Amino acid sequence: MISRAKSLKTILAKHPFLAGLPDKYLDLLSGCAANTRFAEGEYLFHAGQPADRFYLLREGRAALELELHHRKHTVIQTLDEGEFLGWSWLIPPYHWHFAVRAAKPVLAFSFDGKCIRGKMEKDHELGFEMYRRFSMMMAKRLEEAFPQIVGLYR
């Protein structure tokens, strides 16, 4: 019988965000991970709430929403299977900047931010690798979202 940790590590290794990450780091991350599900229309989090985790999407679609001038939330980006969600857990003061809603039912790995930060502080190579991966994706996301956000204010 395959242990939970071994099977989780195997699944994590296949996620595009963690592809190529050494086994020793997958072992560390596995200890901070949990399977999470959200029904269509359910919010994963809201802007201003404490950011205490990040997600690796396994199935479904998540919509990043921005509230403009007390109007309804406006979708600025959608994320699908194979993408990560949330970097606010990594940068103080650890509060979400957007709301995220499940546009389709979502199955994801949820990672405890405090747990991951603790592991990154103890193992600086892991910290470097995680910051590298997150910063590359953050830059990509900002490039994709910026034109849409600017368009909302016109």
N, C-alpha and C. Protein backbone atom coordinates (compact mmCIF):
# COMPACT_ATOMS: atom_id res chain seq x y z
N MET A 1 0.84 -1.18 0.00
CA MET A 1 0.00 0.00 0.00
C MET A 1 0.89 1.26 0.00
N ILE A 2 0.53 2.22 -0.84
CA ILE A 2 1.30 3.45 -0.95
C ILE A 2 0.88 4.39 0.18
N SER A 3 1.86 4.98 0.84
CA SER A 3 1.56 5.90 1.93
C SER A 3 1.00 7.20 1.38
N ARG A 4 0.26 7.93 2.24
CA ARG A 4 -0.34 9.21 1.87
C ARG A 4 0.74 10.18 1.41
N ALA A 5 1.85 10.26 2.16
CA ALA A 5 2.92 11.20 1.84
C ALA A 5 3.55 10.88 0.49
N LYS A 6 3.77 9.59 0.22
CA LYS A 6 4.39 9.21 -1.05
C LYS A 6 3.46 9.51 -2.21
N SER A 7 2.17 9.19 -2.09
CA SER A 7 1.24 9.45 -3.18
C SER A 7 1.05 10.96 -3.37
N LEU A 8 0.99 11.73 -2.29
CA LEU A 8 0.85 13.17 -2.39
C LEU A 8 2.07 13.77 -3.09
N LYS A 9 3.25 13.31 -2.69
CA LYS A 9 4.49 13.80 -3.30
C LYS A 9 4.49 13.50 -4.80
N THR A 10 4.02 12.33 -5.19
CA THR A 10 3.97 11.94 -6.60
C THR A 10 3.04 12.86 -7.38
N ILE A 11 1.89 13.18 -6.80
CA ILE A 11 0.93 14.07 -7.46
C ILE A 11 1.50 15.49 -7.54
N LEU A 12 2.10 15.96 -6.46
CA LEU A 12 2.68 17.31 -6.45
C LEU A 12 3.77 17.44 -7.52
N ALA A 13 4.58 16.41 -7.68
CA ALA A 13 5.68 16.46 -8.64
C ALA A 13 5.18 16.63 -10.07
N LYS A 14 3.94 16.25 -10.32
CA LYS A 14 3.37 16.36 -11.67
C LYS A 14 2.73 17.72 -11.93
N HIS A 15 2.53 18.51 -10.88
CA HIS A 15 1.91 19.83 -11.08
C HIS A 15 2.93 20.75 -11.76
N PRO A 16 2.52 21.47 -12.82
CA PRO A 16 3.47 22.33 -13.55
C PRO A 16 4.23 23.33 -12.68
N PHE A 17 3.60 23.87 -11.64
CA PHE A 17 4.27 24.85 -10.80
C PHE A 17 5.44 24.24 -10.03
N LEU A 18 5.34 22.97 -9.70
CA LEU A 18 6.39 22.31 -8.92
C LEU A 18 7.27 21.39 -9.76
N ALA A 19 7.04 21.35 -11.06
CA ALA A 19 7.80 20.46 -11.94
C ALA A 19 9.30 20.70 -11.78
N GLY A 20 10.03 19.63 -11.62
CA GLY A 20 11.48 19.71 -11.51
C GLY A 20 11.99 20.03 -10.12
N LEU A 21 11.09 20.22 -9.16
CA LEU A 21 11.52 20.51 -7.79
C LEU A 21 12.12 19.23 -7.20
N PRO A 22 13.28 19.32 -6.58
CA PRO A 22 13.91 18.12 -6.00
C PRO A 22 12.99 17.43 -4.98
N ASP A 23 13.13 16.12 -4.90
CA ASP A 23 12.31 15.29 -4.01
C ASP A 23 12.33 15.78 -2.56
N LYS A 24 13.51 16.19 -2.10
CA LYS A 24 13.59 16.62 -0.69
C LYS A 24 12.67 17.81 -0.43
N TYR A 25 12.48 18.68 -1.42
CA TYR A 25 11.59 19.83 -1.23
C TYR A 25 10.13 19.42 -1.38
N LEU A 26 9.86 18.46 -2.26
CA LEU A 26 8.50 17.94 -2.37
C LEU A 26 8.07 17.29 -1.05
N ASP A 27 9.02 16.62 -0.41
CA ASP A 27 8.74 16.02 0.91
C ASP A 27 8.36 17.11 1.91
N LEU A 28 9.12 18.20 1.92
CA LEU A 28 8.83 19.30 2.86
C LEU A 28 7.49 19.94 2.57
N LEU A 29 7.20 20.20 1.30
CA LEU A 29 5.94 20.83 0.93
C LEU A 29 4.74 19.93 1.23
N SER A 30 4.92 18.64 1.05
CA SER A 30 3.83 17.69 1.29
C SER A 30 3.30 17.78 2.71
N GLY A 31 4.19 18.08 3.65
CA GLY A 31 3.78 18.20 5.04
C GLY A 31 2.90 19.40 5.33
N CYS A 32 2.83 20.33 4.40
CA CYS A 32 2.03 21.55 4.58
C CYS A 32 0.80 21.57 3.67
N ALA A 33 0.55 20.48 2.95
CA ALA A 33 -0.50 20.44 1.93
C ALA A 33 -1.75 19.69 2.37
N ALA A 34 -2.86 20.10 1.80
CA ALA A 34 -4.13 19.40 2.02
C ALA A 34 -4.97 19.52 0.76
N ASN A 35 -5.78 18.51 0.48
CA ASN A 35 -6.74 18.59 -0.62
C ASN A 35 -7.88 19.51 -0.22
N THR A 36 -8.33 20.32 -1.15
CA THR A 36 -9.39 21.28 -0.88
C THR A 36 -10.35 21.29 -2.06
N ARG A 37 -11.64 21.44 -1.76
CA ARG A 37 -12.66 21.54 -2.81
C ARG A 37 -13.52 22.77 -2.57
N PHE A 38 -13.93 23.40 -3.68
CA PHE A 38 -14.84 24.53 -3.62
C PHE A 38 -15.92 24.33 -4.67
N ALA A 39 -17.16 24.57 -4.29
CA ALA A 39 -18.28 24.46 -5.22
C ALA A 39 -18.31 25.67 -6.14
N GLU A 40 -18.91 25.51 -7.30
CA GLU A 40 -19.05 26.64 -8.21
C GLU A 40 -19.75 27.79 -7.51
N GLY A 41 -19.18 28.98 -7.62
CA GLY A 41 -19.74 30.17 -6.99
C GLY A 41 -19.21 30.44 -5.59
N GLU A 42 -18.57 29.48 -4.98
CA GLU A 42 -18.03 29.65 -3.63
C GLU A 42 -16.74 30.47 -3.68
N TYR A 43 -16.58 31.35 -2.70
CA TYR A 43 -15.36 32.16 -2.63
C TYR A 43 -14.28 31.41 -1.87
N LEU A 44 -13.07 31.41 -2.44
CA LEU A 44 -11.91 30.83 -1.77
C LEU A 44 -11.42 31.81 -0.70
N PHE A 45 -11.47 33.11 -1.04
CA PHE A 45 -11.12 34.18 -0.09
C PHE A 45 -11.57 35.52 -0.65
N HIS A 46 -11.52 36.53 0.21
CA HIS A 46 -11.93 37.89 -0.14
C HIS A 46 -10.78 38.86 0.13
N ALA A 47 -10.75 39.95 -0.62
CA ALA A 47 -9.74 40.99 -0.42
C ALA A 47 -9.81 41.49 1.02
N GLY A 48 -8.64 41.70 1.61
CA GLY A 48 -8.56 42.22 2.97
C GLY A 48 -8.48 41.15 4.04
N GLN A 49 -8.89 39.93 3.72
CA GLN A 49 -8.79 38.84 4.69
C GLN A 49 -7.32 38.42 4.85
N PRO A 50 -6.99 37.81 5.99
CA PRO A 50 -5.62 37.30 6.16
C PRO A 50 -5.29 36.26 5.07
N ALA A 51 -4.12 36.41 4.49
CA ALA A 51 -3.65 35.47 3.47
C ALA A 51 -2.77 34.44 4.17
N ASP A 52 -3.30 33.26 4.34
CA ASP A 52 -2.59 32.25 5.11
C ASP A 52 -2.28 30.99 4.31
N ARG A 53 -2.47 31.05 2.98
CA ARG A 53 -2.22 29.85 2.17
C ARG A 53 -2.10 30.20 0.70
N PHE A 54 -1.67 29.21 -0.07
CA PHE A 54 -1.73 29.30 -1.51
C PHE A 54 -2.28 27.98 -2.04
N TYR A 55 -2.69 27.99 -3.30
CA TYR A 55 -3.35 26.85 -3.89
C TYR A 55 -2.68 26.45 -5.20
N LEU A 56 -2.63 25.16 -5.46
CA LEU A 56 -2.28 24.62 -6.76
C LEU A 56 -3.55 24.00 -7.32
N LEU A 57 -4.04 24.54 -8.43
CA LEU A 57 -5.29 24.07 -9.00
C LEU A 57 -5.09 22.74 -9.72
N ARG A 58 -5.93 21.78 -9.37
CA ARG A 58 -5.88 20.46 -9.99
C ARG A 58 -6.99 20.29 -11.01
N GLU A 59 -8.15 20.86 -10.71
CA GLU A 59 -9.31 20.80 -11.60
C GLU A 59 -10.13 22.07 -11.40
N GLY A 60 -10.88 22.44 -12.43
CA GLY A 60 -11.80 23.55 -12.32
C GLY A 60 -11.23 24.87 -12.80
N ARG A 61 -11.92 25.95 -12.41
CA ARG A 61 -11.53 27.30 -12.82
C ARG A 61 -11.82 28.26 -11.68
N ALA A 62 -10.86 29.15 -11.42
CA ALA A 62 -11.02 30.18 -10.39
C ALA A 62 -10.96 31.55 -11.05
N ALA A 63 -11.81 32.46 -10.58
CA ALA A 63 -11.87 33.81 -11.13
C ALA A 63 -11.35 34.81 -10.10
N LEU A 64 -10.33 35.58 -10.48
CA LEU A 64 -9.81 36.65 -9.62
C LEU A 64 -10.68 37.87 -9.86
N GLU A 65 -11.19 38.43 -8.78
CA GLU A 65 -12.13 39.54 -8.89
C GLU A 65 -11.62 40.77 -8.16
N LEU A 66 -11.92 41.91 -8.72
CA LEU A 66 -11.54 43.20 -8.17
C LEU A 66 -12.81 44.00 -7.94
N GLU A 67 -12.96 44.57 -6.75
CA GLU A 67 -14.11 45.42 -6.47
C GLU A 67 -13.73 46.86 -6.79
N LEU A 68 -14.50 47.47 -7.67
CA LEU A 68 -14.22 48.84 -8.12
C LEU A 68 -15.29 49.79 -7.63
N HIS A 69 -14.88 50.79 -6.88
CA HIS A 69 -15.78 51.87 -6.46
C HIS A 69 -17.11 51.34 -5.93
N HIS A 70 -17.05 50.37 -5.07
CA HIS A 70 -18.23 49.80 -4.41
C HIS A 70 -19.22 49.20 -5.40
N ARG A 71 -18.75 48.82 -6.58
CA ARG A 71 -19.59 48.10 -7.54
C ARG A 71 -19.39 46.61 -7.31
N LYS A 72 -20.13 45.85 -8.09
CA LYS A 72 -19.95 44.40 -7.98
C LYS A 72 -18.53 44.01 -8.36
N HIS A 73 -18.13 42.85 -7.98
CA HIS A 73 -16.79 42.36 -8.30
C HIS A 73 -16.68 42.18 -9.81
N THR A 74 -15.51 42.54 -10.36
CA THR A 74 -15.23 42.43 -11.78
C THR A 74 -14.10 41.42 -11.95
N VAL A 75 -14.32 40.43 -12.82
CA VAL A 75 -13.30 39.42 -13.07
C VAL A 75 -12.16 40.05 -13.86
N ILE A 76 -10.95 39.93 -13.34
CA ILE A 76 -9.78 40.46 -14.04
C ILE A 76 -8.89 39.36 -14.61
N GLN A 77 -9.11 38.13 -14.15
CA GLN A 77 -8.29 37.02 -14.63
C GLN A 77 -8.95 35.71 -14.22
N THR A 78 -8.79 34.69 -15.03
CA THR A 78 -9.25 33.36 -14.65
C THR A 78 -8.05 32.41 -14.68
N LEU A 79 -8.09 31.45 -13.78
CA LEU A 79 -7.02 30.47 -13.65
C LEU A 79 -7.61 29.08 -13.75
N ASP A 80 -6.89 28.20 -14.43
CA ASP A 80 -7.37 26.86 -14.69
C ASP A 80 -6.44 25.80 -14.10
N GLU A 81 -6.81 24.57 -14.35
CA GLU A 81 -6.03 23.42 -13.91
C GLU A 81 -4.55 23.62 -14.26
N GLY A 82 -3.68 23.28 -13.31
CA GLY A 82 -2.25 23.37 -13.54
C GLY A 82 -1.64 24.70 -13.13
N GLU A 83 -2.46 25.64 -12.66
CA GLU A 83 -1.93 26.94 -12.27
C GLU A 83 -1.92 27.07 -10.75
N PHE A 84 -1.19 28.07 -10.26
CA PHE A 84 -1.18 28.34 -8.83
C PHE A 84 -2.02 29.57 -8.55
N LEU A 85 -2.42 29.71 -7.32
CA LEU A 85 -3.28 30.82 -6.92
C LEU A 85 -2.82 31.34 -5.57
N GLY A 86 -2.51 32.61 -5.51
CA GLY A 86 -2.21 33.27 -4.25
C GLY A 86 -0.74 33.40 -3.95
N TRP A 87 -0.29 34.64 -3.83
CA TRP A 87 1.08 34.88 -3.37
C TRP A 87 1.11 35.81 -2.18
N SER A 88 -0.04 36.29 -1.74
CA SER A 88 -0.09 37.22 -0.61
C SER A 88 0.38 36.60 0.70
N TRP A 89 0.36 35.30 0.82
CA TRP A 89 0.85 34.60 2.01
C TRP A 89 2.36 34.77 2.17
N LEU A 90 3.02 35.15 1.07
CA LEU A 90 4.48 35.22 1.01
C LEU A 90 5.01 36.60 1.36
N ILE A 91 4.17 37.62 1.28
CA ILE A 91 4.62 39.01 1.42
C ILE A 91 3.84 39.70 2.53
N PRO A 92 4.55 40.17 3.58
CA PRO A 92 3.85 40.88 4.66
C PRO A 92 3.09 42.08 4.10
N PRO A 93 1.95 42.41 4.61
CA PRO A 93 1.36 41.99 5.88
C PRO A 93 0.45 40.76 5.77
N TYR A 94 0.56 39.98 4.69
CA TYR A 94 -0.18 38.73 4.52
C TYR A 94 -1.69 38.94 4.51
N HIS A 95 -2.14 39.80 3.59
CA HIS A 95 -3.58 40.00 3.36
C HIS A 95 -3.85 39.88 1.87
N TRP A 96 -5.01 39.29 1.54
CA TRP A 96 -5.39 39.13 0.14
C TRP A 96 -5.68 40.49 -0.49
N HIS A 97 -5.32 40.64 -1.75
CA HIS A 97 -5.56 41.88 -2.50
C HIS A 97 -6.77 41.76 -3.42
N PHE A 98 -7.19 40.55 -3.72
CA PHE A 98 -8.33 40.30 -4.60
C PHE A 98 -9.25 39.30 -3.93
N ALA A 99 -10.44 39.19 -4.49
CA ALA A 99 -11.33 38.09 -4.11
C ALA A 99 -11.15 37.00 -5.16
N VAL A 100 -11.33 35.76 -4.78
CA VAL A 100 -11.26 34.66 -5.73
C VAL A 100 -12.48 33.76 -5.52
N ARG A 101 -13.16 33.50 -6.63
CA ARG A 101 -14.39 32.71 -6.64
C ARG A 101 -14.19 31.50 -7.56
N ALA A 102 -14.77 30.38 -7.20
CA ALA A 102 -14.74 29.20 -8.06
C ALA A 102 -15.72 29.42 -9.21
N ALA A 103 -15.20 29.63 -10.42
CA ALA A 103 -16.05 29.83 -11.59
C ALA A 103 -16.62 28.49 -12.07
N LYS A 104 -15.90 27.44 -11.79
CA LYS A 104 -16.33 26.04 -11.98
C LYS A 104 -15.89 25.34 -10.71
N PRO A 105 -16.45 24.17 -10.39
CA PRO A 105 -15.99 23.48 -9.18
C PRO A 105 -14.47 23.31 -9.20
N VAL A 106 -13.85 23.57 -8.05
CA VAL A 106 -12.38 23.56 -7.94
C VAL A 106 -11.92 22.45 -7.01
N LEU A 107 -10.93 21.71 -7.48
CA LEU A 107 -10.19 20.77 -6.66
C LEU A 107 -8.76 21.29 -6.66
N ALA A 108 -8.19 21.50 -5.48
CA ALA A 108 -6.87 22.10 -5.38
C ALA A 108 -6.11 21.54 -4.19
N PHE A 109 -4.79 21.69 -4.25
CA PHE A 109 -3.99 21.51 -3.06
C PHE A 109 -3.90 22.86 -2.39
N SER A 110 -4.14 22.88 -1.11
CA SER A 110 -4.02 24.09 -0.30
C SER A 110 -2.78 23.92 0.57
N PHE A 111 -1.92 24.95 0.56
CA PHE A 111 -0.69 24.90 1.33
C PHE A 111 -0.74 25.94 2.44
N ASP A 112 -0.45 25.52 3.65
CA ASP A 112 -0.42 26.40 4.81
C ASP A 112 0.78 27.35 4.68
N GLY A 113 0.49 28.64 4.55
CA GLY A 113 1.55 29.64 4.33
C GLY A 113 2.54 29.72 5.47
N LYS A 114 2.06 29.69 6.71
CA LYS A 114 2.96 29.77 7.86
C LYS A 114 3.89 28.55 7.90
N CYS A 115 3.35 27.40 7.60
CA CYS A 115 4.14 26.16 7.56
C CYS A 115 5.24 26.28 6.49
N ILE A 116 4.86 26.74 5.29
CA ILE A 116 5.83 26.87 4.20
C ILE A 116 6.88 27.92 4.53
N ARG A 117 6.46 29.07 5.07
CA ARG A 117 7.43 30.10 5.43
C ARG A 117 8.44 29.58 6.45
N GLY A 118 7.97 28.80 7.41
CA GLY A 118 8.87 28.21 8.40
C GLY A 118 9.89 27.29 7.76
N LYS A 119 9.46 26.48 6.81
CA LYS A 119 10.38 25.57 6.13
C LYS A 119 11.37 26.34 5.26
N MET A 120 10.90 27.44 4.66
CA MET A 120 11.78 28.26 3.83
C MET A 120 12.83 28.98 4.68
N GLU A 121 12.47 29.37 5.90
CA GLU A 121 13.43 30.02 6.79
C GLU A 121 14.51 29.05 7.25
N LYS A 122 14.13 27.79 7.45
CA LYS A 122 15.10 26.79 7.88
C LYS A 122 15.98 26.31 6.73
N ASP A 123 15.43 26.29 5.53
CA ASP A 123 16.17 25.79 4.36
C ASP A 123 16.16 26.90 3.30
N HIS A 124 17.23 27.67 3.26
CA HIS A 124 17.28 28.83 2.36
C HIS A 124 17.29 28.45 0.90
N GLU A 125 17.75 27.25 0.58
CA GLU A 125 17.69 26.79 -0.82
C GLU A 125 16.25 26.58 -1.23
N LEU A 126 15.44 26.01 -0.34
CA LEU A 126 14.01 25.88 -0.62
C LEU A 126 13.39 27.27 -0.75
N GLY A 127 13.75 28.18 0.14
CA GLY A 127 13.24 29.54 0.08
C GLY A 127 13.56 30.21 -1.23
N PHE A 128 14.80 30.09 -1.68
CA PHE A 128 15.18 30.67 -2.96
C PHE A 128 14.35 30.08 -4.09
N GLU A 129 14.21 28.77 -4.09
CA GLU A 129 13.47 28.10 -5.16
C GLU A 129 12.00 28.52 -5.17
N MET A 130 11.40 28.63 -4.01
CA MET A 130 9.99 29.04 -3.95
C MET A 130 9.83 30.49 -4.38
N TYR A 131 10.70 31.38 -3.89
CA TYR A 131 10.64 32.79 -4.31
C TYR A 131 10.86 32.91 -5.81
N ARG A 132 11.76 32.14 -6.35
CA ARG A 132 12.03 32.18 -7.80
C ARG A 132 10.79 31.79 -8.58
N ARG A 133 10.17 30.68 -8.18
CA ARG A 133 8.98 30.22 -8.89
C ARG A 133 7.82 31.20 -8.76
N PHE A 134 7.60 31.69 -7.55
CA PHE A 134 6.50 32.63 -7.35
C PHE A 134 6.74 33.94 -8.07
N SER A 135 7.96 34.46 -8.03
CA SER A 135 8.21 35.75 -8.68
C SER A 135 8.06 35.65 -10.19
N MET A 136 8.47 34.56 -10.79
CA MET A 136 8.29 34.38 -12.24
C MET A 136 6.81 34.37 -12.60
N MET A 137 6.01 33.67 -11.81
CA MET A 137 4.58 33.60 -12.09
C MET A 137 3.88 34.92 -11.77
N MET A 138 4.32 35.61 -10.73
CA MET A 138 3.73 36.90 -10.40
C MET A 138 3.95 37.88 -11.54
N ALA A 139 5.15 37.91 -12.09
CA ALA A 139 5.43 38.81 -13.21
C ALA A 139 4.56 38.48 -14.41
N LYS A 140 4.40 37.21 -14.69
CA LYS A 140 3.55 36.78 -15.82
C LYS A 140 2.11 37.20 -15.59
N ARG A 141 1.61 36.97 -14.38
CA ARG A 141 0.22 37.33 -14.07
C ARG A 141 -0.02 38.83 -14.16
N LEU A 142 0.92 39.62 -13.65
CA LEU A 142 0.77 41.07 -13.72
C LEU A 142 0.77 41.55 -15.17
N GLU A 143 1.64 40.99 -15.99
CA GLU A 143 1.66 41.35 -17.41
C GLU A 143 0.32 41.03 -18.07
N GLU A 144 -0.28 39.90 -17.71
CA GLU A 144 -1.55 39.50 -18.30
C GLU A 144 -2.71 40.35 -17.79
N ALA A 145 -2.68 40.70 -16.51
CA ALA A 145 -3.81 41.40 -15.89
C ALA A 145 -3.77 42.91 -16.08
N PHE A 146 -2.59 43.49 -16.22
CA PHE A 146 -2.48 44.95 -16.26
C PHE A 146 -3.35 45.60 -17.32
N PRO A 147 -3.34 45.15 -18.58
CA PRO A 147 -4.18 45.80 -19.58
C PRO A 147 -5.68 45.74 -19.24
N GLN A 148 -6.10 44.64 -18.65
CA GLN A 148 -7.50 44.51 -18.27
C GLN A 148 -7.85 45.45 -17.12
N ILE A 149 -6.98 45.56 -16.14
CA ILE A 149 -7.23 46.45 -15.01
C ILE A 149 -7.28 47.90 -15.48
N VAL A 150 -6.34 48.30 -16.33
CA VAL A 150 -6.33 49.67 -16.86
C VAL A 150 -7.62 49.94 -17.62
N GLY A 151 -8.07 48.98 -18.40
CA GLY A 151 -9.31 49.13 -19.16
C GLY A 151 -10.54 49.35 -18.28
N LEU A 152 -10.53 48.84 -17.09
CA LEU A 152 -11.67 48.99 -16.17
C LEU A 152 -11.82 50.42 -15.71
N TYR A 153 -10.74 51.17 -15.70
CA TYR A 153 -10.78 52.55 -15.20
C TYR A 153 -11.01 53.58 -16.31
N ARG A 154 -11.18 53.13 -17.53
CA ARG A 154 -11.42 54.07 -18.64
C ARG A 154 -12.87 54.38 -18.79
